[in-house]
């Protein structure tokens, strides 16, 4: 009678299984941390791109309005309390009033509000809209001569400088989610094409 011996099959020991599980968990952990880092970077980039897009859209639209207007005034206040900066005073302010034609009852006002937003209001629609968020500089608009010197009077051929400084540290809790913050600036200079 033949004895049938059981052949042993090669297998894994308990230690080998534990090592394989540990290595798998390590790989999954590294992949997850890389993924979450990518999400944080995406959030930071998205914040910058949104604000840059807002600034670019604002600068493009206000540039076109200034180029085609008949009168542009630098002032202080908001849409209901706008006051032009008087002569013999530096022509720097938080507000800009643009008259597209000779009708002085039709105009648009851009102003930096106390809640760090840049807002637009015009007499046609009577609608107040927020253009940009997180604008930290109060004096956004300045009237300059062709050399870049700030004017002290209302010259006819002046250049309007627009400077927007952004600090998005508190944007949707980003500082609490990894200390992300962005500071940057957008600036342009525009003059009217219709010189009187």
N, C-alpha and C. Protein backbone atom coordinates (compact mmCIF):
# COMPACT_ATOMS: atom_id res chain seq x y z
N UNK A 1 0.82 -1.15 0.00
CA UNK A 1 0.00 0.00 0.00
C UNK A 1 0.88 1.23 0.00
N UNK A 2 0.48 2.07 -0.86
CA UNK A 2 1.27 3.29 -0.98
C UNK A 2 0.72 4.35 -0.07
N UNK A 3 1.63 4.98 0.54
CA UNK A 3 1.22 6.10 1.38
C UNK A 3 1.16 7.37 0.52
N UNK A 4 0.08 7.96 0.62
CA UNK A 4 -0.03 9.23 -0.10
C UNK A 4 0.37 10.35 0.84
N UNK A 5 1.42 10.95 0.46
CA UNK A 5 1.87 12.09 1.26
C UNK A 5 1.27 13.36 0.67
N UNK A 6 0.86 14.17 1.55
CA UNK A 6 0.32 15.47 1.12
C UNK A 6 1.48 16.35 0.72
N UNK A 7 1.41 16.87 -0.48
CA UNK A 7 2.47 17.78 -0.88
C UNK A 7 2.15 19.17 -0.32
N UNK A 8 3.14 19.79 0.20
CA UNK A 8 2.91 21.14 0.75
C UNK A 8 3.00 22.16 -0.38
N UNK A 9 2.06 23.03 -0.38
CA UNK A 9 2.06 24.09 -1.38
C UNK A 9 2.78 25.30 -0.82
N UNK A 10 3.48 26.00 -1.69
CA UNK A 10 4.12 27.20 -1.19
C UNK A 10 3.05 28.23 -0.82
N UNK A 11 3.25 28.95 0.25
CA UNK A 11 2.29 29.95 0.72
C UNK A 11 3.01 31.10 1.38
N UNK A 12 2.22 31.98 1.93
CA UNK A 12 2.77 33.14 2.60
C UNK A 12 2.68 32.94 4.10
N UNK A 13 3.70 33.38 4.74
CA UNK A 13 3.66 33.32 6.20
C UNK A 13 2.92 34.53 6.71
N UNK A 14 2.56 34.51 7.94
CA UNK A 14 1.85 35.62 8.56
C UNK A 14 2.67 36.89 8.51
N UNK A 15 3.95 36.80 8.70
CA UNK A 15 4.83 37.97 8.66
C UNK A 15 4.83 38.58 7.25
N UNK A 16 4.88 37.74 6.23
CA UNK A 16 4.87 38.24 4.85
C UNK A 16 3.55 38.94 4.53
N UNK A 17 2.45 38.41 4.98
CA UNK A 17 1.15 39.05 4.76
C UNK A 17 1.09 40.40 5.45
N UNK A 18 1.58 40.46 6.69
CA UNK A 18 1.59 41.72 7.42
C UNK A 18 2.47 42.75 6.73
N UNK A 19 3.62 42.34 6.23
CA UNK A 19 4.51 43.27 5.52
C UNK A 19 3.85 43.78 4.23
N UNK A 20 3.16 42.91 3.52
CA UNK A 20 2.48 43.33 2.29
C UNK A 20 1.38 44.34 2.60
N UNK A 21 0.61 44.10 3.66
CA UNK A 21 -0.45 45.03 4.06
C UNK A 21 0.15 46.36 4.48
N UNK A 22 1.25 46.34 5.23
CA UNK A 22 1.90 47.58 5.67
C UNK A 22 2.40 48.37 4.48
N UNK A 23 3.00 47.69 3.51
CA UNK A 23 3.50 48.40 2.32
C UNK A 23 2.34 48.96 1.49
N UNK A 24 1.25 48.23 1.39
CA UNK A 24 0.07 48.72 0.67
C UNK A 24 -0.49 49.97 1.35
N UNK A 25 -0.59 49.92 2.69
CA UNK A 25 -1.08 51.10 3.42
C UNK A 25 -0.15 52.29 3.25
N UNK A 26 1.14 52.05 3.22
CA UNK A 26 2.11 53.12 3.01
C UNK A 26 1.93 53.75 1.64
N UNK A 27 1.78 52.94 0.62
CA UNK A 27 1.57 53.46 -0.74
C UNK A 27 0.26 54.24 -0.83
N UNK A 28 -0.79 53.72 -0.23
CA UNK A 28 -2.08 54.43 -0.23
C UNK A 28 -1.97 55.75 0.52
N UNK A 29 -1.25 55.75 1.64
CA UNK A 29 -1.06 56.98 2.42
C UNK A 29 -0.29 58.03 1.63
N UNK A 30 0.77 57.63 0.96
CA UNK A 30 1.54 58.58 0.15
C UNK A 30 0.68 59.12 -0.99
N UNK A 31 -0.06 58.25 -1.66
CA UNK A 31 -0.93 58.69 -2.76
C UNK A 31 -2.00 59.65 -2.26
N UNK A 32 -2.58 59.37 -1.10
CA UNK A 32 -3.61 60.26 -0.55
C UNK A 32 -3.01 61.62 -0.17
N UNK A 33 -1.82 61.63 0.42
CA UNK A 33 -1.21 62.91 0.80
C UNK A 33 -0.86 63.73 -0.44
N UNK A 34 -0.40 63.09 -1.50
CA UNK A 34 -0.12 63.80 -2.75
C UNK A 34 -1.42 64.37 -3.33
N UNK A 35 -2.48 63.58 -3.27
CA UNK A 35 -3.78 64.05 -3.76
C UNK A 35 -4.27 65.26 -2.98
N UNK A 36 -4.20 65.22 -1.65
CA UNK A 36 -4.66 66.34 -0.83
C UNK A 36 -3.78 67.57 -1.02
N UNK A 37 -2.48 67.37 -1.23
CA UNK A 37 -1.61 68.50 -1.54
C UNK A 37 -2.03 69.14 -2.86
N UNK A 38 -2.34 68.34 -3.84
CA UNK A 38 -2.82 68.86 -5.12
C UNK A 38 -4.12 69.63 -4.99
N UNK A 39 -5.02 69.16 -4.12
CA UNK A 39 -6.27 69.88 -3.90
C UNK A 39 -6.02 71.24 -3.25
N UNK A 40 -5.08 71.30 -2.29
CA UNK A 40 -4.74 72.58 -1.65
C UNK A 40 -4.14 73.54 -2.68
N UNK A 41 -3.27 73.04 -3.53
CA UNK A 41 -2.68 73.89 -4.55
C UNK A 41 -3.74 74.37 -5.56
N UNK A 42 -4.67 73.49 -5.88
CA UNK A 42 -5.77 73.88 -6.78
C UNK A 42 -6.58 75.00 -6.15
N UNK A 43 -6.87 74.90 -4.85
CA UNK A 43 -7.63 75.93 -4.15
C UNK A 43 -6.90 77.27 -4.19
N UNK A 44 -5.60 77.25 -3.91
CA UNK A 44 -4.82 78.48 -3.93
C UNK A 44 -4.79 79.09 -5.33
N UNK A 45 -4.61 78.28 -6.32
CA UNK A 45 -4.57 78.76 -7.70
C UNK A 45 -5.93 79.28 -8.13
N UNK A 46 -6.98 78.61 -7.73
CA UNK A 46 -8.34 79.05 -8.10
C UNK A 46 -8.64 80.41 -7.52
N UNK A 47 -8.24 80.65 -6.25
CA UNK A 47 -8.47 81.96 -5.64
C UNK A 47 -7.78 83.05 -6.44
N UNK A 48 -6.53 82.81 -6.79
CA UNK A 48 -5.77 83.80 -7.55
C UNK A 48 -6.39 84.03 -8.92
N UNK A 49 -6.77 82.97 -9.59
CA UNK A 49 -7.34 83.12 -10.92
C UNK A 49 -8.68 83.83 -10.90
N UNK A 50 -9.50 83.57 -9.89
CA UNK A 50 -10.79 84.26 -9.80
C UNK A 50 -10.60 85.75 -9.60
N UNK A 51 -9.72 86.12 -8.69
CA UNK A 51 -9.49 87.55 -8.44
C UNK A 51 -8.82 88.21 -9.64
N UNK A 52 -7.89 87.52 -10.26
CA UNK A 52 -7.24 88.08 -11.44
C UNK A 52 -8.25 88.26 -12.57
N UNK A 53 -9.15 87.32 -12.72
CA UNK A 53 -10.18 87.42 -13.74
C UNK A 53 -11.09 88.61 -13.46
N UNK A 54 -11.50 88.78 -12.19
CA UNK A 54 -12.33 89.94 -11.83
C UNK A 54 -11.60 91.24 -12.14
N UNK A 55 -10.33 91.33 -11.76
CA UNK A 55 -9.55 92.54 -12.00
C UNK A 55 -9.39 92.80 -13.50
N UNK A 56 -9.10 91.75 -14.25
CA UNK A 56 -8.93 91.90 -15.70
C UNK A 56 -10.23 92.38 -16.36
N UNK A 57 -11.35 91.79 -15.97
CA UNK A 57 -12.64 92.21 -16.52
C UNK A 57 -12.95 93.67 -16.16
N UNK A 58 -12.69 94.04 -14.90
CA UNK A 58 -12.93 95.42 -14.47
C UNK A 58 -12.06 96.39 -15.25
N UNK A 59 -10.76 96.09 -15.30
CA UNK A 59 -9.84 97.00 -15.98
C UNK A 59 -10.21 97.14 -17.46
N UNK A 60 -10.59 96.05 -18.09
CA UNK A 60 -11.00 96.11 -19.49
C UNK A 60 -12.23 96.97 -19.71
N UNK A 61 -13.24 96.80 -18.85
CA UNK A 61 -14.47 97.57 -19.05
C UNK A 61 -14.29 99.05 -18.70
N UNK A 62 -13.59 99.34 -17.60
CA UNK A 62 -13.40 100.74 -17.22
C UNK A 62 -12.46 101.44 -18.20
N UNK A 63 -11.51 100.73 -18.76
CA UNK A 63 -10.62 101.30 -19.78
C UNK A 63 -11.44 101.76 -20.98
N UNK A 64 -12.35 100.91 -21.44
CA UNK A 64 -13.17 101.27 -22.59
C UNK A 64 -14.08 102.44 -22.27
N UNK A 65 -14.63 102.47 -21.05
CA UNK A 65 -15.51 103.58 -20.67
C UNK A 65 -14.75 104.89 -20.59
N UNK A 66 -13.55 104.88 -20.03
CA UNK A 66 -12.76 106.11 -19.92
C UNK A 66 -12.34 106.59 -21.31
N UNK A 67 -11.91 105.69 -22.16
CA UNK A 67 -11.46 106.08 -23.50
C UNK A 67 -12.55 106.77 -24.30
N UNK A 68 -13.80 106.35 -24.11
CA UNK A 68 -14.89 106.89 -24.92
C UNK A 68 -15.70 107.98 -24.22
N UNK A 69 -15.35 108.35 -23.01
CA UNK A 69 -16.16 109.31 -22.27
C UNK A 69 -15.82 110.76 -22.64
N UNK A 70 -16.66 111.68 -22.20
CA UNK A 70 -16.39 113.11 -22.40
C UNK A 70 -15.80 113.74 -21.14
N UNK A 71 -16.22 113.27 -19.97
CA UNK A 71 -15.72 113.81 -18.70
C UNK A 71 -15.44 112.64 -17.76
N UNK A 72 -14.31 112.72 -17.06
CA UNK A 72 -13.98 111.74 -16.03
C UNK A 72 -13.47 112.51 -14.82
N UNK A 73 -13.99 112.17 -13.65
CA UNK A 73 -13.63 112.88 -12.42
C UNK A 73 -13.20 111.90 -11.35
N UNK A 74 -12.09 112.21 -10.69
CA UNK A 74 -11.64 111.44 -9.54
C UNK A 74 -12.26 112.09 -8.31
N UNK A 75 -12.77 111.25 -7.40
CA UNK A 75 -13.41 111.80 -6.22
C UNK A 75 -13.38 110.87 -5.04
N UNK A 76 -14.18 111.22 -4.05
CA UNK A 76 -14.28 110.40 -2.84
C UNK A 76 -15.76 110.18 -2.54
N UNK A 77 -16.03 109.08 -1.86
CA UNK A 77 -17.40 108.78 -1.48
C UNK A 77 -17.89 107.50 -2.14
N UNK A 78 -19.21 107.42 -2.30
CA UNK A 78 -19.82 106.27 -2.97
C UNK A 78 -20.81 106.79 -4.01
N UNK A 79 -21.71 105.93 -4.47
CA UNK A 79 -22.60 106.36 -5.55
C UNK A 79 -23.58 107.45 -5.12
N UNK A 80 -23.89 107.53 -3.84
CA UNK A 80 -24.84 108.56 -3.41
C UNK A 80 -24.16 109.79 -2.80
N UNK A 81 -22.87 109.66 -2.44
CA UNK A 81 -22.19 110.79 -1.80
C UNK A 81 -20.92 111.19 -2.55
N UNK A 82 -20.86 110.92 -3.85
CA UNK A 82 -19.65 111.23 -4.61
C UNK A 82 -19.37 112.73 -4.58
N UNK A 83 -18.11 113.06 -4.34
CA UNK A 83 -17.66 114.45 -4.40
C UNK A 83 -16.33 114.49 -5.11
N UNK A 84 -16.24 115.31 -6.15
CA UNK A 84 -14.99 115.43 -6.90
C UNK A 84 -13.91 116.02 -6.01
N UNK A 85 -12.68 115.56 -6.18
CA UNK A 85 -11.55 116.12 -5.42
C UNK A 85 -11.37 117.56 -5.88
N UNK A 86 -11.34 118.52 -4.94
CA UNK A 86 -11.24 119.93 -5.35
C UNK A 86 -9.86 120.26 -5.92
N UNK A 87 -9.79 121.38 -6.67
CA UNK A 87 -8.50 121.85 -7.19
C UNK A 87 -7.56 122.18 -6.05
N UNK A 88 -6.28 122.23 -6.35
CA UNK A 88 -5.20 122.46 -5.39
C UNK A 88 -5.10 121.35 -4.35
N UNK A 89 -5.65 120.20 -4.68
CA UNK A 89 -5.56 119.00 -3.84
C UNK A 89 -5.13 117.86 -4.74
N UNK A 90 -4.32 116.95 -4.21
CA UNK A 90 -3.89 115.80 -5.00
C UNK A 90 -5.11 115.04 -5.52
N UNK A 91 -5.14 114.81 -6.81
CA UNK A 91 -6.28 114.17 -7.47
C UNK A 91 -6.22 112.65 -7.28
N UNK A 92 -6.40 112.22 -6.04
CA UNK A 92 -6.39 110.81 -5.67
C UNK A 92 -7.67 110.55 -4.88
N UNK A 93 -8.34 109.44 -5.18
CA UNK A 93 -9.56 109.14 -4.45
C UNK A 93 -9.98 107.69 -4.56
N UNK A 94 -11.03 107.38 -3.84
CA UNK A 94 -11.55 106.01 -3.85
C UNK A 94 -12.66 105.83 -4.88
N UNK A 95 -13.03 106.91 -5.59
CA UNK A 95 -14.16 106.84 -6.52
C UNK A 95 -13.81 107.52 -7.84
N UNK A 96 -14.51 107.07 -8.87
CA UNK A 96 -14.32 107.62 -10.22
C UNK A 96 -15.69 107.79 -10.85
N UNK A 97 -15.95 108.98 -11.38
CA UNK A 97 -17.23 109.26 -12.04
C UNK A 97 -16.94 109.47 -13.52
N UNK A 98 -17.69 108.74 -14.36
CA UNK A 98 -17.47 108.76 -15.80
C UNK A 98 -18.76 109.20 -16.49
N UNK A 99 -18.66 110.27 -17.28
CA UNK A 99 -19.79 110.75 -18.07
C UNK A 99 -19.57 110.32 -19.52
N UNK A 100 -20.41 109.41 -20.05
CA UNK A 100 -20.17 108.91 -21.41
C UNK A 100 -20.46 109.93 -22.50
N UNK A 101 -21.27 110.92 -22.22
CA UNK A 101 -21.63 111.93 -23.22
C UNK A 101 -21.73 113.30 -22.59
N UNK A 102 -22.45 114.18 -23.28
CA UNK A 102 -22.60 115.55 -22.77
C UNK A 102 -23.76 115.69 -21.79
N UNK A 103 -24.59 114.68 -21.70
CA UNK A 103 -25.71 114.69 -20.75
C UNK A 103 -25.15 114.43 -19.34
N UNK A 104 -25.15 115.45 -18.50
CA UNK A 104 -24.56 115.34 -17.16
C UNK A 104 -25.45 114.61 -16.16
N UNK A 105 -26.63 114.15 -16.59
CA UNK A 105 -27.47 113.36 -15.69
C UNK A 105 -27.24 111.86 -15.89
N UNK A 106 -26.43 111.52 -16.87
CA UNK A 106 -26.13 110.11 -17.15
C UNK A 106 -24.64 109.87 -16.89
N UNK A 107 -24.36 109.01 -15.92
CA UNK A 107 -22.96 108.74 -15.56
C UNK A 107 -22.84 107.40 -14.86
N UNK A 108 -21.59 106.97 -14.70
CA UNK A 108 -21.25 105.73 -14.00
C UNK A 108 -20.27 106.07 -12.89
N UNK A 109 -20.43 105.44 -11.75
CA UNK A 109 -19.49 105.64 -10.64
C UNK A 109 -18.91 104.29 -10.24
N UNK A 110 -17.59 104.25 -10.15
CA UNK A 110 -16.86 103.11 -9.58
C UNK A 110 -16.30 103.60 -8.25
N UNK A 111 -16.40 102.79 -7.21
CA UNK A 111 -15.84 103.22 -5.93
C UNK A 111 -15.42 102.01 -5.08
N UNK A 112 -14.43 102.27 -4.24
CA UNK A 112 -13.96 101.27 -3.28
C UNK A 112 -14.80 101.45 -2.03
N UNK A 113 -15.46 100.39 -1.62
CA UNK A 113 -16.37 100.45 -0.47
C UNK A 113 -15.64 100.03 0.81
N UNK A 114 -16.27 100.31 1.95
CA UNK A 114 -15.65 100.00 3.25
C UNK A 114 -15.52 98.51 3.50
N UNK A 115 -16.24 97.67 2.75
CA UNK A 115 -16.13 96.22 2.93
C UNK A 115 -15.06 95.60 2.01
N UNK A 116 -14.12 96.43 1.56
CA UNK A 116 -13.00 96.00 0.69
C UNK A 116 -13.47 95.41 -0.63
N UNK A 117 -14.51 95.98 -1.18
CA UNK A 117 -14.97 95.59 -2.51
C UNK A 117 -14.94 96.81 -3.42
N UNK A 118 -14.84 96.56 -4.70
CA UNK A 118 -14.94 97.62 -5.69
C UNK A 118 -16.31 97.49 -6.32
N UNK A 119 -17.08 98.59 -6.31
CA UNK A 119 -18.46 98.52 -6.78
C UNK A 119 -18.69 99.48 -7.94
N UNK A 120 -19.74 99.17 -8.70
CA UNK A 120 -20.13 99.97 -9.86
C UNK A 120 -21.60 100.32 -9.76
N UNK A 121 -21.91 101.56 -10.09
CA UNK A 121 -23.30 102.02 -10.13
C UNK A 121 -23.44 102.97 -11.29
N UNK A 122 -24.54 102.85 -12.05
CA UNK A 122 -24.77 103.84 -13.10
C UNK A 122 -26.21 104.29 -13.08
N UNK A 123 -26.42 105.48 -13.65
CA UNK A 123 -27.74 106.11 -13.60
C UNK A 123 -28.74 105.44 -14.54
N UNK A 124 -28.26 104.71 -15.51
CA UNK A 124 -29.16 104.06 -16.46
C UNK A 124 -29.90 102.89 -15.82
N UNK A 125 -29.16 101.99 -15.20
CA UNK A 125 -29.78 100.81 -14.62
C UNK A 125 -30.13 100.98 -13.15
N UNK A 126 -29.49 101.95 -12.50
CA UNK A 126 -29.66 102.17 -11.05
C UNK A 126 -29.38 100.89 -10.26
N UNK A 127 -28.44 100.11 -10.78
CA UNK A 127 -28.10 98.84 -10.16
C UNK A 127 -26.69 98.93 -9.60
N UNK A 128 -26.53 98.54 -8.35
CA UNK A 128 -25.23 98.50 -7.69
C UNK A 128 -24.68 97.09 -7.80
N UNK A 129 -23.47 96.96 -8.36
CA UNK A 129 -22.89 95.63 -8.51
C UNK A 129 -21.46 95.62 -7.98
N UNK A 130 -21.08 94.48 -7.42
CA UNK A 130 -19.72 94.30 -6.92
C UNK A 130 -18.85 93.80 -8.06
N UNK A 131 -17.75 94.49 -8.30
CA UNK A 131 -16.85 94.16 -9.40
C UNK A 131 -15.71 93.27 -8.91
N UNK A 132 -15.06 93.64 -7.82
CA UNK A 132 -13.91 92.90 -7.28
C UNK A 132 -14.03 92.81 -5.77
N UNK A 133 -13.57 91.69 -5.21
CA UNK A 133 -13.51 91.50 -3.76
C UNK A 133 -12.07 91.59 -3.28
N UNK A 134 -11.90 91.81 -1.97
CA UNK A 134 -10.60 91.79 -1.30
C UNK A 134 -9.63 92.83 -1.82
N UNK A 135 -10.14 93.99 -2.24
CA UNK A 135 -9.29 95.11 -2.64
C UNK A 135 -8.92 95.87 -1.38
N UNK A 136 -7.63 95.90 -1.05
CA UNK A 136 -7.20 96.45 0.24
C UNK A 136 -6.81 97.92 0.20
N UNK A 137 -6.46 98.46 -0.96
CA UNK A 137 -6.09 99.88 -1.00
C UNK A 137 -7.33 100.73 -1.17
N UNK A 138 -7.45 101.75 -0.33
CA UNK A 138 -8.63 102.61 -0.36
C UNK A 138 -8.59 103.57 -1.54
N UNK A 139 -7.43 104.14 -1.81
CA UNK A 139 -7.29 105.10 -2.91
C UNK A 139 -6.94 104.34 -4.19
N UNK A 140 -7.97 104.02 -4.94
CA UNK A 140 -7.83 103.19 -6.14
C UNK A 140 -7.53 104.03 -7.37
N UNK A 141 -8.03 105.25 -7.42
CA UNK A 141 -7.95 106.07 -8.63
C UNK A 141 -7.09 107.30 -8.40
N UNK A 142 -6.33 107.69 -9.43
CA UNK A 142 -5.51 108.90 -9.37
C UNK A 142 -5.47 109.53 -10.75
N UNK A 143 -5.48 110.87 -10.79
CA UNK A 143 -5.33 111.60 -12.04
C UNK A 143 -3.89 112.08 -12.12
N UNK A 144 -3.25 111.80 -13.27
CA UNK A 144 -1.84 112.12 -13.44
C UNK A 144 -1.62 112.85 -14.75
N UNK A 145 -0.44 113.49 -14.85
CA UNK A 145 -0.06 114.05 -16.13
C UNK A 145 0.65 112.97 -16.95
N UNK A 146 1.13 113.32 -18.13
CA UNK A 146 1.74 112.32 -19.01
C UNK A 146 3.05 111.76 -18.45
N UNK A 147 3.66 112.44 -17.47
CA UNK A 147 4.90 111.95 -16.87
C UNK A 147 4.66 111.03 -15.67
N UNK A 148 3.42 110.91 -15.23
CA UNK A 148 3.10 110.06 -14.08
C UNK A 148 3.04 110.83 -12.77
N UNK A 149 3.07 112.16 -12.81
CA UNK A 149 2.95 112.97 -11.60
C UNK A 149 1.48 113.17 -11.27
N UNK A 150 1.14 113.03 -10.00
CA UNK A 150 -0.25 113.22 -9.58
C UNK A 150 -0.60 114.69 -9.72
N UNK A 151 -1.72 114.95 -10.37
CA UNK A 151 -2.17 116.32 -10.61
C UNK A 151 -2.81 116.92 -9.37
N UNK A 152 -2.85 118.26 -9.35
CA UNK A 152 -3.56 118.96 -8.29
C UNK A 152 -4.69 119.81 -8.85
N UNK A 153 -5.01 119.62 -10.12
CA UNK A 153 -6.14 120.30 -10.73
C UNK A 153 -6.78 119.39 -11.76
N UNK A 154 -7.88 119.85 -12.32
CA UNK A 154 -8.65 119.04 -13.26
C UNK A 154 -8.23 119.35 -14.68
N UNK A 155 -7.04 118.88 -15.08
CA UNK A 155 -6.56 119.10 -16.44
C UNK A 155 -7.41 118.32 -17.44
N UNK A 156 -7.50 118.86 -18.64
CA UNK A 156 -8.32 118.24 -19.67
C UNK A 156 -7.71 116.95 -20.20
N UNK A 157 -6.40 116.87 -20.31
CA UNK A 157 -5.75 115.71 -20.92
C UNK A 157 -5.04 114.84 -19.89
N UNK A 158 -5.67 114.60 -18.79
CA UNK A 158 -5.04 113.83 -17.73
C UNK A 158 -5.16 112.33 -17.96
N UNK A 159 -4.30 111.60 -17.28
CA UNK A 159 -4.26 110.14 -17.35
C UNK A 159 -4.83 109.60 -16.05
N UNK A 160 -5.72 108.64 -16.13
CA UNK A 160 -6.30 108.03 -14.93
C UNK A 160 -5.54 106.75 -14.62
N UNK A 161 -4.95 106.70 -13.43
CA UNK A 161 -4.26 105.50 -12.99
C UNK A 161 -5.20 104.72 -12.07
N UNK A 162 -5.32 103.43 -12.30
CA UNK A 162 -6.16 102.56 -11.48
C UNK A 162 -5.25 101.49 -10.88
N UNK A 163 -5.24 101.41 -9.55
CA UNK A 163 -4.40 100.45 -8.85
C UNK A 163 -5.28 99.61 -7.93
N UNK A 164 -5.24 98.30 -8.12
CA UNK A 164 -5.99 97.38 -7.28
C UNK A 164 -5.01 96.47 -6.56
N UNK A 165 -5.00 96.52 -5.24
CA UNK A 165 -4.15 95.64 -4.45
C UNK A 165 -5.06 94.63 -3.75
N UNK A 166 -4.73 93.36 -3.92
CA UNK A 166 -5.55 92.29 -3.38
C UNK A 166 -4.81 91.57 -2.26
N UNK A 167 -5.53 91.24 -1.21
CA UNK A 167 -5.03 90.35 -0.17
C UNK A 167 -6.18 89.41 0.14
N UNK A 168 -6.03 88.13 -0.23
CA UNK A 168 -7.12 87.17 -0.10
C UNK A 168 -6.89 86.21 1.04
N UNK A 169 -6.26 86.67 2.10
CA UNK A 169 -5.92 85.77 3.20
C UNK A 169 -7.16 85.12 3.82
N UNK A 170 -8.25 85.82 3.90
CA UNK A 170 -9.43 85.27 4.54
C UNK A 170 -10.42 84.64 3.58
N UNK A 171 -10.03 84.42 2.35
CA UNK A 171 -10.95 83.92 1.33
C UNK A 171 -11.47 82.53 1.68
N UNK A 172 -12.73 82.44 2.02
CA UNK A 172 -13.44 81.18 2.30
C UNK A 172 -12.65 80.28 3.25
N UNK A 173 -12.03 80.88 4.27
CA UNK A 173 -11.31 80.10 5.27
C UNK A 173 -10.01 79.50 4.78
N UNK A 174 -9.42 80.07 3.73
CA UNK A 174 -8.20 79.48 3.17
C UNK A 174 -7.05 79.53 4.16
N UNK A 175 -6.97 80.59 4.98
CA UNK A 175 -5.86 80.68 5.94
C UNK A 175 -5.96 79.56 6.97
N UNK A 176 -7.16 79.15 7.30
CA UNK A 176 -7.33 78.06 8.26
C UNK A 176 -7.07 76.70 7.61
N UNK A 177 -7.06 76.64 6.30
CA UNK A 177 -6.87 75.37 5.60
C UNK A 177 -5.46 75.26 5.04
N UNK A 178 -4.49 75.64 5.84
CA UNK A 178 -3.11 75.45 5.38
C UNK A 178 -2.33 76.74 5.25
N UNK A 179 -2.87 77.85 5.71
CA UNK A 179 -2.12 79.09 5.69
C UNK A 179 -1.97 79.71 4.31
N UNK A 180 -2.87 79.43 3.40
CA UNK A 180 -2.77 79.99 2.07
C UNK A 180 -3.17 81.46 2.09
N UNK A 181 -2.39 82.29 1.46
CA UNK A 181 -2.76 83.69 1.29
C UNK A 181 -2.11 84.21 0.02
N UNK A 182 -2.74 85.17 -0.59
CA UNK A 182 -2.27 85.75 -1.83
C UNK A 182 -2.29 87.26 -1.73
N UNK A 183 -1.20 87.87 -2.13
CA UNK A 183 -1.14 89.32 -2.25
C UNK A 183 -0.63 89.63 -3.64
N UNK A 184 -1.34 90.43 -4.36
CA UNK A 184 -0.89 90.84 -5.68
C UNK A 184 -1.58 92.12 -6.05
N UNK A 185 -1.14 92.70 -7.16
CA UNK A 185 -1.60 94.02 -7.56
C UNK A 185 -1.85 94.05 -9.06
N UNK A 186 -2.90 94.76 -9.46
CA UNK A 186 -3.18 95.02 -10.87
C UNK A 186 -3.23 96.53 -11.04
N UNK A 187 -2.58 97.01 -12.10
CA UNK A 187 -2.51 98.45 -12.30
C UNK A 187 -2.58 98.76 -13.78
N UNK A 188 -3.25 99.86 -14.11
CA UNK A 188 -3.31 100.32 -15.49
C UNK A 188 -3.43 101.84 -15.50
N UNK A 189 -3.12 102.42 -16.65
CA UNK A 189 -3.28 103.86 -16.87
C UNK A 189 -4.05 104.04 -18.16
N UNK A 190 -5.04 104.94 -18.12
CA UNK A 190 -5.93 105.15 -19.27
C UNK A 190 -6.18 106.63 -19.42
N UNK A 191 -6.32 107.07 -20.65
CA UNK A 191 -6.70 108.45 -20.89
C UNK A 191 -7.85 108.49 -21.89
N UNK A 192 -8.56 109.60 -21.88
CA UNK A 192 -9.68 109.76 -22.81
C UNK A 192 -9.18 109.95 -24.22
N UNK A 193 -9.94 109.46 -25.17
CA UNK A 193 -9.60 109.71 -26.58
C UNK A 193 -10.26 110.99 -27.07
N UNK A 194 -11.38 111.37 -26.46
CA UNK A 194 -12.08 112.59 -26.84
C UNK A 194 -11.53 113.74 -25.99
N UNK A 195 -10.51 114.40 -26.45
CA UNK A 195 -9.95 115.54 -25.72
C UNK A 195 -10.69 116.78 -26.16
N UNK A 196 -11.24 117.51 -25.18
CA UNK A 196 -12.03 118.71 -25.49
C UNK A 196 -11.15 119.91 -25.71
